[in-house]
Amino acid sequence: MQDSQPKPSRRGFFFGAAATGAAVAVALPGVQAPEVAVQAPKPAPEKGGGYSLSDHVKRYYQTTRI
């Protein structure tokens, strides 16, 4: 027995969510989105490289220890 309804997909969900968000943005032009503080990334090192032992790298090394 086959279902007459198609199986929901993630792609369809995100397409619907994007369309809903766009419709709300058009319907409420007086509402402003909150400002988000954006941090500038560190500049690249002059001599090349770029590896730095940051906190997330240290956590990764902790997970690899036996």
PDB file of N, CA and C in Angstrom:
ATOM      1  N   MET A   1       0.848  -1.175   0.000  1.00  0.00           N
ATOM      2  CA  MET A   1       0.000   0.000   0.000  1.00  0.00           C
ATOM      3  C   MET A   1       0.893   1.237   0.000  1.00  0.00           C
ATOM      4  N   GLN A   2       0.670   2.136  -0.913  1.00  0.00           N
ATOM      5  CA  GLN A   2       1.501   3.327  -1.033  1.00  0.00           C
ATOM      6  C   GLN A   2       0.810   4.529  -0.418  1.00  0.00           C
ATOM      7  N   ASP A   3       1.639   5.388   0.168  1.00  0.00           N
ATOM      8  CA  ASP A   3       1.110   6.624   0.740  1.00  0.00           C
ATOM      9  C   ASP A   3       0.926   7.661  -0.362  1.00  0.00           C
ATOM     10  N   SER A   4      -0.104   8.444  -0.247  1.00  0.00           N
ATOM     11  CA  SER A   4      -0.324   9.490  -1.238  1.00  0.00           C
ATOM     12  C   SER A   4       0.481  10.739  -0.902  1.00  0.00           C
ATOM     13  N   GLN A   5       0.978  10.834   0.331  1.00  0.00           N
ATOM     14  CA  GLN A   5       1.770  11.992   0.752  1.00  0.00           C
ATOM     15  C   GLN A   5       3.255  11.713   0.507  1.00  0.00           C
ATOM     16  N   PRO A   6       3.999  12.682  -0.058  1.00  0.00           N
ATOM     17  CA  PRO A   6       5.432  12.470  -0.236  1.00  0.00           C
ATOM     18  C   PRO A   6       6.149  12.514   1.112  1.00  0.00           C
ATOM     19  N   LYS A   7       7.286  11.843   1.177  1.00  0.00           N
ATOM     20  CA  LYS A   7       8.070  11.804   2.395  1.00  0.00           C
ATOM     21  C   LYS A   7       8.738  13.166   2.608  1.00  0.00           C
ATOM     22  N   PRO A   8       8.642  13.754   3.814  1.00  0.00           N
ATOM     23  CA  PRO A   8       9.261  15.060   4.045  1.00  0.00           C
ATOM     24  C   PRO A   8      10.789  14.958   3.975  1.00  0.00           C
ATOM     25  N   SER A   9      11.404  16.026   3.493  1.00  0.00           N
ATOM     26  CA  SER A   9      12.855  16.028   3.384  1.00  0.00           C
ATOM     27  C   SER A   9      13.422  17.256   4.071  1.00  0.00           C
ATOM     28  N   ARG A  10      14.700  17.193   4.402  1.00  0.00           N
ATOM     29  CA  ARG A  10      15.366  18.342   5.021  1.00  0.00           C
ATOM     30  C   ARG A  10      15.419  19.525   4.065  1.00  0.00           C
ATOM     31  N   ARG A  11      15.670  19.235   2.805  1.00  0.00           N
ATOM     32  CA  ARG A  11      15.754  20.308   1.817  1.00  0.00           C
ATOM     33  C   ARG A  11      14.442  21.071   1.739  1.00  0.00           C
ATOM     34  N   GLY A  12      13.339  20.354   1.736  1.00  0.00           N
ATOM     35  CA  GLY A  12      12.033  20.995   1.700  1.00  0.00           C
ATOM     36  C   GLY A  12      11.762  21.803   2.956  1.00  0.00           C
ATOM     37  N   PHE A  13      12.201  21.281   4.102  1.00  0.00           N
ATOM     38  CA  PHE A  13      12.014  22.002   5.357  1.00  0.00           C
ATOM     39  C   PHE A  13      12.753  23.332   5.330  1.00  0.00           C
ATOM     40  N   PHE A  14      14.038  23.314   4.928  1.00  0.00           N
ATOM     41  CA  PHE A  14      14.818  24.544   4.917  1.00  0.00           C
ATOM     42  C   PHE A  14      14.316  25.521   3.860  1.00  0.00           C
ATOM     43  N   PHE A  15      13.840  25.006   2.742  1.00  0.00           N
ATOM     44  CA  PHE A  15      13.254  25.879   1.727  1.00  0.00           C
ATOM     45  C   PHE A  15      12.013  26.567   2.288  1.00  0.00           C
ATOM     46  N   GLY A  16      11.186  25.822   2.990  1.00  0.00           N
ATOM     47  CA  GLY A  16       9.987  26.402   3.591  1.00  0.00           C
ATOM     48  C   GLY A  16      10.325  27.408   4.679  1.00  0.00           C
ATOM     49  N   ALA A  17      11.344  27.099   5.478  1.00  0.00           N
ATOM     50  CA  ALA A  17      11.753  28.024   6.541  1.00  0.00           C
ATOM     51  C   ALA A  17      12.294  29.324   5.949  1.00  0.00           C
ATOM     52  N   ALA A  18      13.068  29.227   4.885  1.00  0.00           N
ATOM     53  CA  ALA A  18      13.613  30.426   4.234  1.00  0.00           C
ATOM     54  C   ALA A  18      12.490  31.263   3.632  1.00  0.00           C
ATOM     55  N   ALA A  19      11.539  30.603   3.006  1.00  0.00           N
ATOM     56  CA  ALA A  19      10.419  31.331   2.411  1.00  0.00           C
ATOM     57  C   ALA A  19       9.585  32.017   3.480  1.00  0.00           C
ATOM     58  N   THR A  20       9.387  31.347   4.606  1.00  0.00           N
ATOM     59  CA  THR A  20       8.625  31.947   5.703  1.00  0.00           C
ATOM     60  C   THR A  20       9.360  33.152   6.273  1.00  0.00           C
ATOM     61  N   GLY A  21      10.666  33.020   6.454  1.00  0.00           N
ATOM     62  CA  GLY A  21      11.460  34.137   6.970  1.00  0.00           C
ATOM     63  C   GLY A  21      11.423  35.336   6.042  1.00  0.00           C
ATOM     64  N   ALA A  22      11.506  35.081   4.742  1.00  0.00           N
ATOM     65  CA  ALA A  22      11.443  36.177   3.781  1.00  0.00           C
ATOM     66  C   ALA A  22      10.075  36.849   3.805  1.00  0.00           C
ATOM     67  N   ALA A  23       9.029  36.062   3.935  1.00  0.00           N
ATOM     68  CA  ALA A  23       7.678  36.634   3.980  1.00  0.00           C
ATOM     69  C   ALA A  23       7.483  37.487   5.229  1.00  0.00           C
ATOM     70  N   VAL A  24       8.009  37.044   6.347  1.00  0.00           N
ATOM     71  CA  VAL A  24       7.895  37.820   7.584  1.00  0.00           C
ATOM     72  C   VAL A  24       8.700  39.110   7.471  1.00  0.00           C
ATOM     73  N   ALA A  25       9.884  39.045   6.862  1.00  0.00           N
ATOM     74  CA  ALA A  25      10.714  40.236   6.708  1.00  0.00           C
ATOM     75  C   ALA A  25      10.023  41.285   5.836  1.00  0.00           C
ATOM     76  N   VAL A  26       9.292  40.840   4.821  1.00  0.00           N
ATOM     77  CA  VAL A  26       8.569  41.768   3.957  1.00  0.00           C
ATOM     78  C   VAL A  26       7.337  42.322   4.671  1.00  0.00           C
ATOM     79  N   ALA A  27       6.681  41.481   5.463  1.00  0.00           N
ATOM     80  CA  ALA A  27       5.443  41.891   6.112  1.00  0.00           C
ATOM     81  C   ALA A  27       5.684  42.858   7.275  1.00  0.00           C
ATOM     82  N   LEU A  28       6.854  42.823   7.876  1.00  0.00           N
ATOM     83  CA  LEU A  28       7.157  43.664   9.034  1.00  0.00           C
ATOM     84  C   LEU A  28       8.331  44.595   8.736  1.00  0.00           C
ATOM     85  N   PRO A  29       8.144  45.583   7.860  1.00  0.00           N
ATOM     86  CA  PRO A  29       9.278  46.435   7.485  1.00  0.00           C
ATOM     87  C   PRO A  29       9.738  47.361   8.612  1.00  0.00           C
ATOM     88  N   GLY A  30       8.901  47.669   9.597  1.00  0.00           N
ATOM     89  CA  GLY A  30       9.281  48.583  10.667  1.00  0.00           C
ATOM     90  C   GLY A  30      10.132  47.935  11.742  1.00  0.00           C
ATOM     91  N   VAL A  31      10.195  46.615  11.775  1.00  0.00           N
ATOM     92  CA  VAL A  31      10.959  45.916  12.800  1.00  0.00           C
ATOM     93  C   VAL A  31      12.392  45.768  12.321  1.00  0.00           C
ATOM     94  N   GLN A  32      13.333  46.192  13.170  1.00  0.00           N
ATOM     95  CA  GLN A  32      14.746  46.076  12.806  1.00  0.00           C
ATOM     96  C   GLN A  32      15.354  44.871  13.494  1.00  0.00           C
ATOM     97  N   ALA A  33      16.256  44.228  12.797  1.00  0.00           N
ATOM     98  CA  ALA A  33      16.959  43.080  13.360  1.00  0.00           C
ATOM     99  C   ALA A  33      17.986  43.578  14.379  1.00  0.00           C
ATOM    100  N   PRO A  34      18.217  42.818  15.450  1.00  0.00           N
ATOM    101  CA  PRO A  34      19.221  43.236  16.431  1.00  0.00           C
ATOM    102  C   PRO A  34      20.620  43.210  15.828  1.00  0.00           C
ATOM    103  N   GLU A  35      21.455  44.135  16.279  1.00  0.00           N
ATOM    104  CA  GLU A  35      22.825  44.179  15.777  1.00  0.00           C
ATOM    105  C   GLU A  35      23.656  43.125  16.485  1.00  0.00           C
ATOM    106  N   VAL A  36      24.527  42.492  15.730  1.00  0.00           N
ATOM    107  CA  VAL A  36      25.377  41.440  16.269  1.00  0.00           C
ATOM    108  C   VAL A  36      26.819  41.902  16.200  1.00  0.00           C
ATOM    109  N   ALA A  37      27.527  41.783  17.306  1.00  0.00           N
ATOM    110  CA  ALA A  37      28.937  42.164  17.333  1.00  0.00           C
ATOM    111  C   ALA A  37      29.755  41.084  16.618  1.00  0.00           C
ATOM    112  N   VAL A  38      30.568  41.511  15.664  1.00  0.00           N
ATOM    113  CA  VAL A  38      31.394  40.591  14.901  1.00  0.00           C
ATOM    114  C   VAL A  38      32.849  40.881  15.217  1.00  0.00           C
ATOM    115  N   GLN A  39      33.579  39.847  15.600  1.00  0.00           N
ATOM    116  CA  GLN A  39      34.992  40.014  15.887  1.00  0.00           C
ATOM    117  C   GLN A  39      35.793  39.816  14.609  1.00  0.00           C
ATOM    118  N   ALA A  40      36.777  40.686  14.403  1.00  0.00           N
ATOM    119  CA  ALA A  40      37.627  40.560  13.234  1.00  0.00           C
ATOM    120  C   ALA A  40      38.611  39.408  13.457  1.00  0.00           C
ATOM    121  N   PRO A  41      38.872  38.600  12.428  1.00  0.00           N
ATOM    122  CA  PRO A  41      39.824  37.498  12.589  1.00  0.00           C
ATOM    123  C   PRO A  41      41.244  38.019  12.769  1.00  0.00           C
ATOM    124  N   LYS A  42      42.101  37.202  13.367  1.00  0.00           N
ATOM    125  CA  LYS A  42      43.498  37.582  13.542  1.00  0.00           C
ATOM    126  C   LYS A  42      44.149  37.718  12.172  1.00  0.00           C
ATOM    127  N   PRO A  43      45.050  38.666  12.015  1.00  0.00           N
ATOM    128  CA  PRO A  43      45.747  38.772  10.730  1.00  0.00           C
ATOM    129  C   PRO A  43      46.682  37.574  10.534  1.00  0.00           C
ATOM    130  N   ALA A  44      46.903  37.213   9.287  1.00  0.00           N
ATOM    131  CA  ALA A  44      47.787  36.098   8.977  1.00  0.00           C
ATOM    132  C   ALA A  44      49.223  36.460   9.326  1.00  0.00           C
ATOM    133  N   PRO A  45      50.016  35.497   9.787  1.00  0.00           N
ATOM    134  CA  PRO A  45      51.404  35.792  10.112  1.00  0.00           C
ATOM    135  C   PRO A  45      52.191  36.202   8.867  1.00  0.00           C
ATOM    136  N   GLU A  46      53.145  37.105   9.051  1.00  0.00           N
ATOM    137  CA  GLU A  46      53.908  37.615   7.912  1.00  0.00           C
ATOM    138  C   GLU A  46      54.837  36.567   7.319  1.00  0.00           C
ATOM    139  N   LYS A  47      55.361  35.678   8.161  1.00  0.00           N
ATOM    140  CA  LYS A  47      56.342  34.699   7.682  1.00  0.00           C
ATOM    141  C   LYS A  47      55.691  33.372   7.306  1.00  0.00           C
ATOM    142  N   GLY A  48      54.409  33.370   7.111  1.00  0.00           N
ATOM    143  CA  GLY A  48      53.738  32.128   6.749  1.00  0.00           C
ATOM    144  C   GLY A  48      53.350  31.349   7.989  1.00  0.00           C
ATOM    145  N   GLY A  49      53.008  30.108   7.802  1.00  0.00           N
ATOM    146  CA  GLY A  49      52.575  29.297   8.940  1.00  0.00           C
ATOM    147  C   GLY A  49      51.125  29.563   9.229  1.00  0.00           C
ATOM    148  N   GLY A  50      50.822  29.870  10.447  1.00  0.00           N
ATOM    149  CA  GLY A  50      49.452  30.162  10.803  1.00  0.00           C
ATOM    150  C   GLY A  50      48.927  29.239  11.874  1.00  0.00           C
ATOM    151  N   TYR A  51      49.717  28.214  12.250  1.00  0.00           N
ATOM    152  CA  TYR A  51      49.277  27.308  13.300  1.00  0.00           C
ATOM    153  C   TYR A  51      49.420  28.002  14.639  1.00  0.00           C
ATOM    154  N   SER A  52      48.385  27.905  15.438  1.00  0.00           N
ATOM    155  CA  SER A  52      48.471  28.415  16.799  1.00  0.00           C
ATOM    156  C   SER A  52      47.791  27.423  17.722  1.00  0.00           C
ATOM    157  N   LEU A  53      48.360  27.251  18.887  1.00  0.00           N
ATOM    158  CA  LEU A  53      47.830  26.303  19.850  1.00  0.00           C
ATOM    159  C   LEU A  53      46.709  26.977  20.623  1.00  0.00           C
ATOM    160  N   SER A  54      45.527  26.975  20.028  1.00  0.00           N
ATOM    161  CA  SER A  54      44.370  27.630  20.645  1.00  0.00           C
ATOM    162  C   SER A  54      43.646  26.649  21.569  1.00  0.00           C
ATOM    163  N   ASP A  55      42.637  27.150  22.267  1.00  0.00           N
ATOM    164  CA  ASP A  55      41.907  26.316  23.223  1.00  0.00           C
ATOM    165  C   ASP A  55      41.239  25.119  22.550  1.00  0.00           C
ATOM    166  N   HIS A  56      40.646  25.329  21.374  1.00  0.00           N
ATOM    167  CA  HIS A  56      39.963  24.199  20.742  1.00  0.00           C
ATOM    168  C   HIS A  56      40.956  23.150  20.256  1.00  0.00           C
ATOM    169  N   VAL A  57      42.169  23.555  19.884  1.00  0.00           N
ATOM    170  CA  VAL A  57      43.191  22.592  19.491  1.00  0.00           C
ATOM    171  C   VAL A  57      43.648  21.805  20.723  1.00  0.00           C
ATOM    172  N   LYS A  58      43.804  22.488  21.845  1.00  0.00           N
ATOM    173  CA  LYS A  58      44.187  21.799  23.084  1.00  0.00           C
ATOM    174  C   LYS A  58      43.135  20.778  23.488  1.00  0.00           C
ATOM    175  N   ARG A  59      41.839  21.138  23.342  1.00  0.00           N
ATOM    176  CA  ARG A  59      40.775  20.187  23.670  1.00  0.00           C
ATOM    177  C   ARG A  59      40.825  18.973  22.753  1.00  0.00           C
ATOM    178  N   TYR A  60      41.130  19.206  21.473  1.00  0.00           N
ATOM    179  CA  TYR A  60      41.236  18.074  20.551  1.00  0.00           C
ATOM    180  C   TYR A  60      42.367  17.157  20.976  1.00  0.00           C
ATOM    181  N   TYR A  61      43.506  17.715  21.322  1.00  0.00           N
ATOM    182  CA  TYR A  61      44.633  16.882  21.756  1.00  0.00           C
ATOM    183  C   TYR A  61      44.267  16.089  23.013  1.00  0.00           C
ATOM    184  N   GLN A  62      43.466  16.667  23.899  1.00  0.00           N
ATOM    185  CA  GLN A  62      43.027  15.958  25.099  1.00  0.00           C
ATOM    186  C   GLN A  62      42.172  14.741  24.708  1.00  0.00           C
ATOM    187  N   THR A  63      41.345  14.874  23.689  1.00  0.00           N
ATOM    188  CA  THR A  63      40.471  13.755  23.296  1.00  0.00           C
ATOM    189  C   THR A  63      41.235  12.640  22.618  1.00  0.00           C
ATOM    190  N   THR A  64      42.423  12.916  22.074  1.00  0.00           N
ATOM    191  CA  THR A  64      43.173  11.875  21.364  1.00  0.00           C
ATOM    192  C   THR A  64      44.074  11.069  22.271  1.00  0.00           C
ATOM    193  N   ARG A  65      44.248  11.519  23.510  1.00  0.00           N
ATOM    194  CA  ARG A  65      45.102  10.780  24.441  1.00  0.00           C
ATOM    195  C   ARG A  65      44.401   9.513  24.900  1.00  0.00           C
ATOM    196  N   ILE A  66      45.175   8.468  25.052  1.00  0.00           N
ATOM    197  CA  ILE A  66      44.606   7.176  25.489  1.00  0.00           C
ATOM    198  C   ILE A  66      44.850   6.996  26.965  1.00  0.00           C
TER     199      ILE A  66
END
